[in-house]
Amino acid sequence: GPPLMVVATIFLIYTFGGPYMPDVIAHKGASLNKAMSHQWLSTEGVFGVALGVSTSFVFLFVLFGALLDKAGAGNYFIKMAFGALGHLRGGPAKAAVVGSAATGLISGSSIANVVTTGTFTIPLMKRVGFSAEKAGSVEVASSVNGQIMPPVMGAAAFLMVEFVGISYLEVIKHAFIPAVISYIALIYIVHLEALKNDMPALGASRSLLQMFL
């Protein structure tokens, strides 16, 4: 939108107006030919590494994630989370955290994660006593962390592979533990909030076998 256009315009002005800038940020400037060549023909330009990774890898992972979601995998993860945690105090919020983590396994998109899980979990969180703001913040925090949950992560993971020159398996291996720790922290925060406000459980306890049925 307009904000991005404004930022791009400012940097274009800076590219050509370097010699006229204050000493701290001044540079010798660039010709129109050099600037256009760098921005369109080099690997650092528009048709560079970032776009190449998006068309080569990101598209495929997003496509397969969308197919899994349409096949019912996203809904299954939500039901699984509620089957395991719905009976606990503040259960819907804990289920939202775990459900978002599970959806993050196949999504790689924080926005898609919010849309998939939030429409179901936010109303239930409000039912047990969470305010609309807190319910929304729990869902957003959980879904954003889903973007760093292996194996399908955001575009940044593929850019790491391309720029740093390491395998995608290495990125997954190093991202897994921080992702799990972040979700453990979120569950703990939600649990403290539920205790502080004396929130009720929602539904009866279910066995492990029922959770997967």
N, C-alpha and C. Protein backbone atom coordinates (compact mmCIF):
# COMPACT_ATOMS: atom_id res chain seq x y z
N GLY A 1 0.81 -1.21 0.00
CA GLY A 1 0.00 0.00 0.00
C GLY A 1 0.85 1.25 0.00
N PRO A 2 0.23 2.40 0.24
CA PRO A 2 0.94 3.69 0.23
C PRO A 2 2.17 3.76 1.15
N PRO A 3 2.11 3.22 2.39
CA PRO A 3 3.32 3.30 3.24
C PRO A 3 4.56 2.69 2.59
N LEU A 4 4.37 1.54 1.92
CA LEU A 4 5.51 0.89 1.27
C LEU A 4 6.03 1.74 0.11
N MET A 5 5.12 2.38 -0.60
CA MET A 5 5.52 3.26 -1.70
C MET A 5 6.31 4.47 -1.18
N VAL A 6 5.88 5.00 -0.03
CA VAL A 6 6.59 6.14 0.58
C VAL A 6 8.00 5.75 0.97
N VAL A 7 8.13 4.57 1.62
CA VAL A 7 9.45 4.09 2.03
C VAL A 7 10.36 3.89 0.81
N ALA A 8 9.81 3.27 -0.25
CA ALA A 8 10.59 3.04 -1.47
C ALA A 8 11.02 4.36 -2.10
N THR A 9 10.13 5.35 -2.11
CA THR A 9 10.45 6.67 -2.68
C THR A 9 11.56 7.35 -1.90
N ILE A 10 11.50 7.26 -0.56
CA ILE A 10 12.53 7.87 0.28
C ILE A 10 13.90 7.27 -0.04
N PHE A 11 13.95 5.93 -0.18
CA PHE A 11 15.23 5.29 -0.45
C PHE A 11 15.73 5.58 -1.88
N LEU A 12 14.81 5.76 -2.81
CA LEU A 12 15.22 6.14 -4.16
C LEU A 12 15.82 7.55 -4.15
N ILE A 13 15.19 8.44 -3.40
CA ILE A 13 15.73 9.80 -3.28
C ILE A 13 17.12 9.75 -2.65
N TYR A 14 17.27 8.90 -1.64
CA TYR A 14 18.57 8.77 -0.98
C TYR A 14 19.63 8.20 -1.93
N THR A 15 19.21 7.29 -2.80
CA THR A 15 20.14 6.70 -3.76
C THR A 15 20.76 7.75 -4.66
N PHE A 16 19.93 8.65 -5.17
CA PHE A 16 20.42 9.65 -6.13
C PHE A 16 20.89 10.93 -5.45
N GLY A 17 20.41 11.18 -4.23
CA GLY A 17 20.76 12.43 -3.56
C GLY A 17 21.81 12.29 -2.49
N GLY A 18 22.61 11.23 -2.56
CA GLY A 18 23.65 11.00 -1.55
C GLY A 18 24.61 12.16 -1.33
N PRO A 19 25.12 12.78 -2.39
CA PRO A 19 26.09 13.88 -2.20
C PRO A 19 25.51 15.10 -1.50
N TYR A 20 24.20 15.22 -1.50
CA TYR A 20 23.56 16.40 -0.89
C TYR A 20 23.05 16.13 0.53
N MET A 21 23.29 14.94 1.04
CA MET A 21 22.83 14.57 2.36
C MET A 21 23.79 15.07 3.44
N PRO A 22 23.35 15.11 4.71
CA PRO A 22 24.27 15.47 5.80
C PRO A 22 25.47 14.53 5.84
N ASP A 23 26.56 14.99 6.42
CA ASP A 23 27.82 14.23 6.39
C ASP A 23 27.69 12.82 6.94
N VAL A 24 26.86 12.64 7.96
CA VAL A 24 26.76 11.33 8.62
C VAL A 24 26.22 10.27 7.66
N ILE A 25 25.29 10.64 6.78
CA ILE A 25 24.66 9.67 5.89
C ILE A 25 24.97 9.94 4.41
N ALA A 26 25.92 10.82 4.16
CA ALA A 26 26.23 11.18 2.77
C ALA A 26 26.98 10.04 2.07
N HIS A 27 26.81 9.95 0.74
CA HIS A 27 27.59 9.02 -0.09
C HIS A 27 27.73 9.65 -1.47
N LYS A 28 28.49 9.01 -2.33
CA LYS A 28 28.81 9.66 -3.61
C LYS A 28 27.67 9.61 -4.61
N GLY A 29 26.59 8.91 -4.29
CA GLY A 29 25.44 8.86 -5.18
C GLY A 29 25.58 7.80 -6.26
N ALA A 30 24.56 7.68 -7.08
CA ALA A 30 24.56 6.67 -8.14
C ALA A 30 23.89 7.23 -9.39
N SER A 31 24.36 6.80 -10.53
CA SER A 31 23.72 7.21 -11.78
C SER A 31 22.45 6.41 -11.99
N LEU A 32 21.57 6.91 -12.87
CA LEU A 32 20.33 6.20 -13.16
C LEU A 32 20.63 4.81 -13.72
N ASN A 33 21.64 4.72 -14.59
CA ASN A 33 22.00 3.44 -15.20
C ASN A 33 22.47 2.43 -14.16
N LYS A 34 23.32 2.89 -13.23
CA LYS A 34 23.85 2.00 -12.19
C LYS A 34 22.75 1.55 -11.24
N ALA A 35 21.88 2.49 -10.84
CA ALA A 35 20.80 2.15 -9.91
C ALA A 35 19.83 1.15 -10.53
N MET A 36 19.43 1.38 -11.77
CA MET A 36 18.49 0.47 -12.42
C MET A 36 19.11 -0.91 -12.64
N SER A 37 20.38 -0.93 -13.01
CA SER A 37 21.07 -2.19 -13.22
C SER A 37 21.14 -2.99 -11.91
N HIS A 38 21.44 -2.30 -10.81
CA HIS A 38 21.56 -2.98 -9.52
C HIS A 38 20.21 -3.50 -9.04
N GLN A 39 19.17 -2.71 -9.25
CA GLN A 39 17.86 -3.08 -8.71
C GLN A 39 17.11 -4.10 -9.57
N TRP A 40 17.48 -4.25 -10.82
CA TRP A 40 16.71 -5.15 -11.69
C TRP A 40 17.53 -6.33 -12.23
N LEU A 41 18.85 -6.16 -12.34
CA LEU A 41 19.65 -7.21 -12.98
C LEU A 41 20.52 -8.00 -12.01
N SER A 42 20.84 -7.42 -10.85
CA SER A 42 21.71 -8.13 -9.91
C SER A 42 20.90 -9.07 -9.01
N THR A 43 21.63 -9.93 -8.27
CA THR A 43 20.96 -10.88 -7.37
C THR A 43 20.40 -10.19 -6.13
N GLU A 44 20.76 -8.92 -5.92
CA GLU A 44 20.24 -8.17 -4.77
C GLU A 44 19.03 -7.33 -5.15
N GLY A 45 18.60 -7.40 -6.40
CA GLY A 45 17.50 -6.58 -6.87
C GLY A 45 16.16 -7.26 -6.79
N VAL A 46 15.20 -6.74 -7.56
CA VAL A 46 13.83 -7.24 -7.53
C VAL A 46 13.77 -8.71 -7.93
N PHE A 47 14.44 -9.06 -9.02
CA PHE A 47 14.45 -10.46 -9.48
C PHE A 47 15.68 -11.18 -8.93
N GLY A 48 15.90 -11.04 -7.63
CA GLY A 48 17.08 -11.61 -7.01
C GLY A 48 16.79 -12.87 -6.22
N VAL A 49 17.59 -13.08 -5.18
CA VAL A 49 17.52 -14.30 -4.38
C VAL A 49 16.15 -14.46 -3.72
N ALA A 50 15.64 -13.36 -3.15
CA ALA A 50 14.38 -13.46 -2.39
C ALA A 50 13.23 -13.94 -3.27
N LEU A 51 13.08 -13.35 -4.44
CA LEU A 51 12.00 -13.75 -5.34
C LEU A 51 12.23 -15.16 -5.89
N GLY A 52 13.51 -15.48 -6.15
CA GLY A 52 13.84 -16.81 -6.63
C GLY A 52 13.46 -17.89 -5.63
N VAL A 53 13.76 -17.65 -4.35
CA VAL A 53 13.40 -18.60 -3.29
C VAL A 53 11.88 -18.72 -3.18
N SER A 54 11.18 -17.58 -3.29
CA SER A 54 9.72 -17.60 -3.19
C SER A 54 9.10 -18.46 -4.27
N THR A 55 9.58 -18.33 -5.50
CA THR A 55 9.00 -19.08 -6.61
C THR A 55 9.45 -20.55 -6.61
N SER A 56 10.64 -20.81 -6.08
CA SER A 56 11.17 -22.18 -6.14
C SER A 56 10.70 -23.05 -4.97
N PHE A 57 10.72 -22.49 -3.74
CA PHE A 57 10.48 -23.30 -2.56
C PHE A 57 9.22 -22.89 -1.80
N VAL A 58 9.10 -21.59 -1.50
CA VAL A 58 8.02 -21.13 -0.63
C VAL A 58 6.66 -21.49 -1.22
N PHE A 59 6.51 -21.28 -2.53
CA PHE A 59 5.23 -21.57 -3.19
C PHE A 59 4.82 -23.02 -2.99
N LEU A 60 5.77 -23.94 -3.13
CA LEU A 60 5.45 -25.37 -3.01
C LEU A 60 5.00 -25.71 -1.60
N PHE A 61 5.72 -25.19 -0.59
CA PHE A 61 5.36 -25.50 0.79
C PHE A 61 4.01 -24.89 1.15
N VAL A 62 3.76 -23.67 0.71
CA VAL A 62 2.47 -23.04 0.98
C VAL A 62 1.34 -23.80 0.30
N LEU A 63 1.59 -24.26 -0.93
CA LEU A 63 0.59 -25.02 -1.68
C LEU A 63 0.24 -26.32 -0.96
N PHE A 64 1.25 -27.08 -0.56
CA PHE A 64 0.99 -28.35 0.12
C PHE A 64 0.34 -28.12 1.49
N GLY A 65 0.73 -27.04 2.17
CA GLY A 65 0.10 -26.70 3.43
C GLY A 65 -1.37 -26.38 3.25
N ALA A 66 -1.70 -25.64 2.17
CA ALA A 66 -3.10 -25.30 1.89
C ALA A 66 -3.91 -26.56 1.54
N LEU A 67 -3.30 -27.48 0.80
CA LEU A 67 -3.98 -28.73 0.45
C LEU A 67 -4.26 -29.56 1.70
N LEU A 68 -3.28 -29.62 2.61
CA LEU A 68 -3.48 -30.36 3.86
C LEU A 68 -4.60 -29.73 4.68
N ASP A 69 -4.61 -28.40 4.71
CA ASP A 69 -5.64 -27.70 5.48
C ASP A 69 -7.02 -27.97 4.90
N LYS A 70 -7.13 -27.92 3.58
CA LYS A 70 -8.43 -28.18 2.93
C LYS A 70 -8.86 -29.63 3.11
N ALA A 71 -7.89 -30.52 3.26
CA ALA A 71 -8.21 -31.93 3.47
C ALA A 71 -8.66 -32.22 4.90
N GLY A 72 -8.57 -31.20 5.77
CA GLY A 72 -9.06 -31.36 7.13
C GLY A 72 -7.99 -31.47 8.20
N ALA A 73 -6.72 -31.31 7.82
CA ALA A 73 -5.65 -31.46 8.80
C ALA A 73 -5.70 -30.36 9.86
N GLY A 74 -6.00 -29.12 9.44
CA GLY A 74 -6.06 -28.02 10.39
C GLY A 74 -7.15 -28.23 11.43
N ASN A 75 -8.33 -28.64 10.97
CA ASN A 75 -9.44 -28.89 11.89
C ASN A 75 -9.12 -30.06 12.82
N TYR A 76 -8.43 -31.06 12.31
CA TYR A 76 -8.05 -32.22 13.13
C TYR A 76 -7.11 -31.80 14.25
N PHE A 77 -6.14 -30.92 13.94
CA PHE A 77 -5.21 -30.46 14.96
C PHE A 77 -5.93 -29.70 16.07
N ILE A 78 -6.92 -28.89 15.69
CA ILE A 78 -7.68 -28.14 16.68
C ILE A 78 -8.45 -29.09 17.59
N LYS A 79 -9.12 -30.08 16.99
CA LYS A 79 -9.88 -31.05 17.78
C LYS A 79 -8.96 -31.85 18.71
N MET A 80 -7.79 -32.19 18.21
CA MET A 80 -6.83 -32.93 19.01
C MET A 80 -6.40 -32.11 20.22
N ALA A 81 -6.14 -30.82 19.99
CA ALA A 81 -5.71 -29.94 21.09
C ALA A 81 -6.82 -29.79 22.13
N PHE A 82 -8.07 -29.65 21.67
CA PHE A 82 -9.17 -29.52 22.62
C PHE A 82 -9.44 -30.82 23.35
N GLY A 83 -9.25 -31.96 22.67
CA GLY A 83 -9.41 -33.24 23.33
C GLY A 83 -8.40 -33.44 24.44
N ALA A 84 -7.19 -32.91 24.26
CA ALA A 84 -6.14 -33.08 25.26
C ALA A 84 -6.20 -32.05 26.37
N LEU A 85 -6.60 -30.80 26.05
CA LEU A 85 -6.46 -29.71 27.02
C LEU A 85 -7.75 -28.98 27.34
N GLY A 86 -8.83 -29.29 26.62
CA GLY A 86 -10.08 -28.56 26.81
C GLY A 86 -10.66 -28.67 28.20
N HIS A 87 -10.37 -29.76 28.91
CA HIS A 87 -10.95 -29.97 30.24
C HIS A 87 -10.16 -29.27 31.35
N LEU A 88 -9.00 -28.70 31.03
CA LEU A 88 -8.17 -28.04 32.03
C LEU A 88 -8.67 -26.62 32.28
N ARG A 89 -8.22 -26.02 33.37
CA ARG A 89 -8.59 -24.63 33.66
C ARG A 89 -7.97 -23.72 32.60
N GLY A 90 -8.81 -22.88 32.02
CA GLY A 90 -8.33 -22.06 30.90
C GLY A 90 -8.03 -22.90 29.68
N GLY A 91 -8.69 -24.05 29.58
CA GLY A 91 -8.41 -25.03 28.52
C GLY A 91 -8.47 -24.49 27.11
N PRO A 92 -9.50 -23.71 26.75
CA PRO A 92 -9.56 -23.20 25.37
C PRO A 92 -8.33 -22.40 24.97
N ALA A 93 -7.78 -21.63 25.92
CA ALA A 93 -6.58 -20.85 25.61
C ALA A 93 -5.37 -21.78 25.43
N LYS A 94 -5.27 -22.79 26.28
CA LYS A 94 -4.17 -23.74 26.14
C LYS A 94 -4.32 -24.54 24.84
N ALA A 95 -5.57 -24.88 24.51
CA ALA A 95 -5.81 -25.59 23.25
C ALA A 95 -5.50 -24.70 22.06
N ALA A 96 -5.75 -23.39 22.18
CA ALA A 96 -5.42 -22.45 21.10
C ALA A 96 -3.91 -22.43 20.86
N VAL A 97 -3.14 -22.46 21.96
CA VAL A 97 -1.68 -22.46 21.84
C VAL A 97 -1.20 -23.73 21.15
N VAL A 98 -1.67 -24.87 21.64
CA VAL A 98 -1.23 -26.16 21.07
C VAL A 98 -1.76 -26.33 19.64
N GLY A 99 -3.01 -25.92 19.42
CA GLY A 99 -3.58 -26.02 18.08
C GLY A 99 -2.84 -25.17 17.07
N SER A 100 -2.43 -23.97 17.49
CA SER A 100 -1.66 -23.10 16.60
C SER A 100 -0.28 -23.68 16.32
N ALA A 101 0.31 -24.32 17.34
CA ALA A 101 1.61 -24.97 17.13
C ALA A 101 1.49 -26.10 16.12
N ALA A 102 0.42 -26.89 16.25
CA ALA A 102 0.20 -28.02 15.33
C ALA A 102 -0.11 -27.51 13.92
N THR A 103 -0.92 -26.45 13.84
CA THR A 103 -1.22 -25.88 12.51
C THR A 103 0.03 -25.29 11.89
N GLY A 104 0.91 -24.73 12.73
CA GLY A 104 2.16 -24.19 12.22
C GLY A 104 3.06 -25.23 11.58
N LEU A 105 2.86 -26.50 11.95
CA LEU A 105 3.64 -27.58 11.33
C LEU A 105 3.42 -27.65 9.83
N ILE A 106 2.20 -27.32 9.39
CA ILE A 106 1.87 -27.46 7.97
C ILE A 106 1.62 -26.13 7.28
N SER A 107 1.55 -25.04 8.05
CA SER A 107 1.15 -23.77 7.46
C SER A 107 2.35 -22.92 7.03
N GLY A 108 3.17 -22.52 8.01
CA GLY A 108 4.29 -21.64 7.70
C GLY A 108 3.87 -20.19 7.55
N SER A 109 2.61 -19.90 7.77
CA SER A 109 2.10 -18.54 7.63
C SER A 109 1.34 -18.16 8.90
N SER A 110 1.76 -17.08 9.55
CA SER A 110 1.10 -16.67 10.79
C SER A 110 -0.32 -16.19 10.51
N ILE A 111 -0.54 -15.53 9.37
CA ILE A 111 -1.87 -15.03 9.03
C ILE A 111 -2.84 -16.19 8.80
N ALA A 112 -2.40 -17.18 8.01
CA ALA A 112 -3.24 -18.35 7.76
C ALA A 112 -3.52 -19.10 9.04
N ASN A 113 -2.56 -19.12 9.95
CA ASN A 113 -2.72 -19.80 11.22
C ASN A 113 -3.80 -19.13 12.06
N VAL A 114 -3.79 -17.80 12.13
CA VAL A 114 -4.80 -17.06 12.88
C VAL A 114 -6.19 -17.33 12.31
N VAL A 115 -6.29 -17.27 10.98
CA VAL A 115 -7.59 -17.47 10.33
C VAL A 115 -8.11 -18.88 10.57
N THR A 116 -7.21 -19.86 10.51
CA THR A 116 -7.62 -21.26 10.65
C THR A 116 -8.09 -21.57 12.06
N THR A 117 -7.32 -21.15 13.07
CA THR A 117 -7.62 -21.52 14.45
C THR A 117 -8.40 -20.46 15.21
N GLY A 118 -8.18 -19.20 14.88
CA GLY A 118 -8.76 -18.11 15.67
C GLY A 118 -10.27 -18.04 15.65
N THR A 119 -10.87 -18.34 14.51
CA THR A 119 -12.34 -18.26 14.41
C THR A 119 -13.03 -19.23 15.36
N PHE A 120 -12.31 -20.27 15.75
CA PHE A 120 -12.88 -21.28 16.63
C PHE A 120 -12.46 -21.08 18.09
N THR A 121 -11.20 -20.70 18.29
CA THR A 121 -10.67 -20.64 19.65
C THR A 121 -11.00 -19.34 20.38
N ILE A 122 -11.05 -18.21 19.69
CA ILE A 122 -11.29 -16.93 20.36
C ILE A 122 -12.66 -16.88 21.04
N PRO A 123 -13.76 -17.29 20.36
CA PRO A 123 -15.05 -17.29 21.07
C PRO A 123 -15.06 -18.19 22.30
N LEU A 124 -14.38 -19.35 22.23
CA LEU A 124 -14.34 -20.27 23.37
C LEU A 124 -13.53 -19.68 24.52
N MET A 125 -12.45 -18.99 24.20
CA MET A 125 -11.66 -18.33 25.25
C MET A 125 -12.49 -17.26 25.95
N LYS A 126 -13.29 -16.55 25.19
CA LYS A 126 -14.15 -15.52 25.78
C LYS A 126 -15.22 -16.15 26.67
N ARG A 127 -15.66 -17.36 26.33
CA ARG A 127 -16.68 -18.04 27.13
C ARG A 127 -16.20 -18.37 28.54
N VAL A 128 -14.91 -18.69 28.67
CA VAL A 128 -14.41 -19.09 29.99
C VAL A 128 -13.86 -17.90 30.79
N GLY A 129 -13.93 -16.69 30.23
CA GLY A 129 -13.54 -15.53 31.02
C GLY A 129 -12.46 -14.65 30.48
N PHE A 130 -11.84 -15.02 29.35
CA PHE A 130 -10.83 -14.15 28.76
C PHE A 130 -11.52 -12.95 28.12
N SER A 131 -10.93 -11.77 28.27
CA SER A 131 -11.46 -10.61 27.57
C SER A 131 -11.18 -10.77 26.07
N ALA A 132 -11.89 -9.99 25.26
CA ALA A 132 -11.70 -10.08 23.81
C ALA A 132 -10.25 -9.76 23.43
N GLU A 133 -9.67 -8.77 24.13
CA GLU A 133 -8.28 -8.37 23.82
C GLU A 133 -7.29 -9.49 24.18
N LYS A 134 -7.50 -10.10 25.36
CA LYS A 134 -6.58 -11.16 25.78
C LYS A 134 -6.74 -12.41 24.92
N ALA A 135 -7.98 -12.73 24.56
CA ALA A 135 -8.21 -13.89 23.69
C ALA A 135 -7.53 -13.68 22.33
N GLY A 136 -7.67 -12.47 21.80
CA GLY A 136 -7.03 -12.17 20.52
C GLY A 136 -5.51 -12.20 20.63
N SER A 137 -4.98 -11.69 21.75
CA SER A 137 -3.52 -11.66 21.89
C SER A 137 -2.94 -13.06 22.06
N VAL A 138 -3.65 -13.94 22.77
CA VAL A 138 -3.19 -15.33 22.92
C VAL A 138 -3.14 -16.01 21.56
N GLU A 139 -4.20 -15.82 20.77
CA GLU A 139 -4.26 -16.44 19.45
C GLU A 139 -3.18 -15.91 18.52
N VAL A 140 -2.99 -14.60 18.53
CA VAL A 140 -1.98 -13.99 17.65
C VAL A 140 -0.57 -14.44 18.04
N ALA A 141 -0.27 -14.41 19.36
CA ALA A 141 1.06 -14.84 19.81
C ALA A 141 1.32 -16.29 19.43
N SER A 142 0.31 -17.14 19.60
CA SER A 142 0.47 -18.56 19.26
C SER A 142 0.66 -18.76 17.76
N SER A 143 -0.09 -18.01 16.97
CA SER A 143 -0.03 -18.19 15.52
C SER A 143 1.25 -17.63 14.93
N VAL A 144 1.73 -16.52 15.49
CA VAL A 144 2.99 -15.95 15.00
C VAL A 144 4.14 -16.91 15.28
N ASN A 145 4.12 -17.54 16.46
CA ASN A 145 5.16 -18.52 16.77
C ASN A 145 5.07 -19.74 15.87
N GLY A 146 3.86 -20.01 15.32
CA GLY A 146 3.72 -21.12 14.39
C GLY A 146 4.57 -20.97 13.15
N GLN A 147 4.96 -19.73 12.86
CA GLN A 147 5.79 -19.48 11.68
C GLN A 147 7.22 -19.98 11.87
N ILE A 148 7.64 -20.17 13.13
CA ILE A 148 8.99 -20.70 13.37
C ILE A 148 8.95 -22.17 13.78
N MET A 149 7.77 -22.79 13.63
CA MET A 149 7.64 -24.21 13.99
C MET A 149 7.97 -25.08 12.78
N PRO A 150 9.06 -25.87 12.84
CA PRO A 150 9.41 -26.75 11.71
C PRO A 150 8.33 -27.79 11.49
N PRO A 151 8.25 -28.43 10.32
CA PRO A 151 9.18 -28.30 9.21
C PRO A 151 8.85 -27.17 8.21
N VAL A 152 7.60 -26.74 8.14
CA VAL A 152 7.25 -25.68 7.18
C VAL A 152 7.27 -24.35 7.91
N MET A 153 8.30 -23.56 7.68
CA MET A 153 8.42 -22.27 8.32
C MET A 153 8.21 -21.16 7.30
N GLY A 154 8.36 -19.92 7.72
CA GLY A 154 8.13 -18.80 6.82
C GLY A 154 9.20 -18.69 5.76
N ALA A 155 9.04 -17.71 4.88
CA ALA A 155 9.99 -17.50 3.79
C ALA A 155 11.39 -17.22 4.30
N ALA A 156 11.49 -16.66 5.52
CA ALA A 156 12.81 -16.32 6.07
C ALA A 156 13.70 -17.55 6.18
N ALA A 157 13.11 -18.69 6.49
CA ALA A 157 13.91 -19.92 6.64
C ALA A 157 14.57 -20.30 5.31
N PHE A 158 13.82 -20.15 4.22
CA PHE A 158 14.38 -20.48 2.91
C PHE A 158 15.43 -19.46 2.48
N LEU A 159 15.24 -18.21 2.89
CA LEU A 159 16.24 -17.19 2.59
C LEU A 159 17.54 -17.47 3.35
N MET A 160 17.42 -17.98 4.58
CA MET A 160 18.62 -18.38 5.33
C MET A 160 19.41 -19.44 4.57
N VAL A 161 18.67 -20.42 4.08
CA VAL A 161 19.31 -21.51 3.33
C VAL A 161 20.07 -20.95 2.13
N GLU A 162 19.43 -20.01 1.41
CA GLU A 162 20.02 -19.48 0.19
C GLU A 162 21.19 -18.55 0.47
N PHE A 163 21.05 -17.68 1.46
CA PHE A 163 22.09 -16.69 1.73
C PHE A 163 23.27 -17.27 2.50
N VAL A 164 22.98 -18.09 3.52
CA VAL A 164 24.04 -18.60 4.39
C VAL A 164 24.70 -19.85 3.81
N GLY A 165 23.95 -20.58 2.98
CA GLY A 165 24.52 -21.76 2.34
C GLY A 165 24.49 -23.01 3.19
N ILE A 166 23.52 -23.09 4.14
CA ILE A 166 23.37 -24.29 4.95
C ILE A 166 22.15 -25.06 4.46
N SER A 167 22.04 -26.32 4.87
CA SER A 167 20.91 -27.12 4.42
C SER A 167 19.65 -26.74 5.20
N TYR A 168 18.50 -27.01 4.58
CA TYR A 168 17.22 -26.71 5.25
C TYR A 168 17.05 -27.57 6.49
N LEU A 169 17.63 -28.76 6.48
CA LEU A 169 17.57 -29.65 7.64
C LEU A 169 18.26 -29.01 8.84
N GLU A 170 19.37 -28.30 8.59
CA GLU A 170 20.08 -27.60 9.67
C GLU A 170 19.21 -26.50 10.26
N VAL A 171 18.51 -25.76 9.41
CA VAL A 171 17.62 -24.70 9.88
C VAL A 171 16.52 -25.29 10.76
N ILE A 172 15.92 -26.40 10.30
CA ILE A 172 14.87 -27.07 11.07
C ILE A 172 15.40 -27.51 12.44
N LYS A 173 16.59 -28.10 12.43
CA LYS A 173 17.17 -28.63 13.67
C LYS A 173 17.40 -27.53 14.70
N HIS A 174 17.86 -26.38 14.24
CA HIS A 174 18.14 -25.28 15.16
C HIS A 174 16.89 -24.49 15.54
N ALA A 175 15.84 -24.59 14.75
CA ALA A 175 14.61 -23.84 15.05
C ALA A 175 13.67 -24.61 15.97
N PHE A 176 13.81 -25.93 16.01
CA PHE A 176 12.83 -26.75 16.72
C PHE A 176 12.79 -26.45 18.22
N ILE A 177 13.96 -26.44 18.87
CA ILE A 177 13.99 -26.24 20.33
C ILE A 177 13.47 -24.84 20.72
N PRO A 178 13.91 -23.75 20.07
CA PRO A 178 13.34 -22.44 20.41
C PRO A 178 11.83 -22.38 20.20
N ALA A 179 11.33 -23.04 19.15
CA ALA A 179 9.89 -23.04 18.90
C ALA A 179 9.14 -23.74 20.01
N VAL A 180 9.64 -24.90 20.44
CA VAL A 180 8.99 -25.66 21.51
C VAL A 180 9.03 -24.86 22.82
N ILE A 181 10.16 -24.25 23.12
CA ILE A 181 10.30 -23.46 24.35
C ILE A 181 9.31 -22.29 24.34
N SER A 182 9.16 -21.65 23.19
CA SER A 182 8.23 -20.51 23.10
C SER A 182 6.80 -20.95 23.38
N TYR A 183 6.42 -22.14 22.93
CA TYR A 183 5.06 -22.63 23.18
C TYR A 183 4.87 -23.08 24.63
N ILE A 184 5.91 -23.64 25.22
CA ILE A 184 5.83 -23.99 26.65
C ILE A 184 5.62 -22.72 27.48
N ALA A 185 6.34 -21.65 27.12
CA ALA A 185 6.20 -20.38 27.82
C ALA A 185 4.79 -19.82 27.65
N LEU A 186 4.23 -19.93 26.44
CA LEU A 186 2.87 -19.43 26.20
C LEU A 186 1.83 -20.20 27.02
N ILE A 187 1.97 -21.53 27.07
CA ILE A 187 1.04 -22.34 27.87
C ILE A 187 1.13 -21.95 29.34
N TYR A 188 2.35 -21.71 29.82
CA TYR A 188 2.54 -21.34 31.23
C TYR A 188 1.90 -19.97 31.51
N ILE A 189 2.07 -19.02 30.60
CA ILE A 189 1.47 -17.69 30.77
C ILE A 189 -0.05 -17.80 30.80
N VAL A 190 -0.60 -18.60 29.89
CA VAL A 190 -2.05 -18.79 29.84
C VAL A 190 -2.55 -19.46 31.12
N HIS A 191 -1.79 -20.42 31.63
CA HIS A 191 -2.18 -21.11 32.87
C HIS A 191 -2.21 -20.13 34.04
N LEU A 192 -1.21 -19.27 34.14
CA LEU A 192 -1.18 -18.27 35.22
C LEU A 192 -2.37 -17.32 35.11
N GLU A 193 -2.70 -16.93 33.89
CA GLU A 193 -3.84 -16.04 33.68
C GLU A 193 -5.14 -16.71 34.10
N ALA A 194 -5.27 -17.99 33.78
CA ALA A 194 -6.48 -18.73 34.16
C ALA A 194 -6.60 -18.86 35.67
N LEU A 195 -5.48 -19.12 36.36
CA LEU A 195 -5.50 -19.23 37.82
C LEU A 195 -5.82 -17.89 38.47
N LYS A 196 -5.23 -16.83 37.90
CA LYS A 196 -5.41 -15.49 38.48
C LYS A 196 -6.87 -15.07 38.44
N ASN A 197 -7.56 -15.45 37.36
CA ASN A 197 -8.96 -15.05 37.19
C ASN A 197 -9.95 -16.15 37.56
N ASP A 198 -9.43 -17.26 38.14
CA ASP A 198 -10.27 -18.37 38.58
C ASP A 198 -11.22 -18.83 37.46
N MET A 199 -10.64 -19.11 36.30
CA MET A 199 -11.46 -19.50 35.14
C MET A 199 -11.87 -20.96 35.24
N PRO A 200 -13.08 -21.31 34.80
CA PRO A 200 -13.54 -22.71 34.88
C PRO A 200 -12.98 -23.54 33.74
N ALA A 201 -13.05 -24.84 33.92
CA ALA A 201 -12.72 -25.76 32.83
C ALA A 201 -13.91 -25.82 31.87
N LEU A 202 -13.65 -26.27 30.66
CA LEU A 202 -14.71 -26.34 29.65
C LEU A 202 -14.79 -27.76 29.15
N GLY A 203 -15.75 -28.53 29.63
CA GLY A 203 -15.90 -29.91 29.18
C GLY A 203 -15.22 -30.89 30.12
N ALA A 204 -15.53 -32.15 29.94
CA ALA A 204 -14.99 -33.20 30.78
C ALA A 204 -13.66 -33.70 30.23
N SER A 205 -12.91 -34.36 31.10
CA SER A 205 -11.64 -34.94 30.69
C SER A 205 -11.86 -36.09 29.72
N ARG A 206 -10.92 -36.24 28.77
CA ARG A 206 -11.03 -37.33 27.79
C ARG A 206 -9.76 -38.15 27.83
N SER A 207 -9.89 -39.41 27.44
CA SER A 207 -8.72 -40.29 27.43
C SER A 207 -7.86 -40.00 26.21
N LEU A 208 -6.63 -40.54 26.26
CA LEU A 208 -5.71 -40.34 25.14
C LEU A 208 -6.27 -40.95 23.86
N LEU A 209 -6.95 -42.09 23.98
CA LEU A 209 -7.53 -42.74 22.80
C LEU A 209 -8.63 -41.87 22.18
N GLN A 210 -9.49 -41.28 23.03
CA GLN A 210 -10.56 -40.42 22.53
C GLN A 210 -9.99 -39.17 21.85
N MET A 211 -8.85 -38.73 22.31
CA MET A 211 -8.25 -37.51 21.77
C MET A 211 -7.93 -37.68 20.29
N PHE A 212 -7.56 -38.87 19.86
CA PHE A 212 -7.16 -39.09 18.47
C PHE A 212 -8.28 -39.63 17.59
N LEU A 213 -9.48 -39.80 18.16
CA LEU A 213 -10.61 -40.31 17.39
C LEU A 213 -11.43 -39.19 16.80
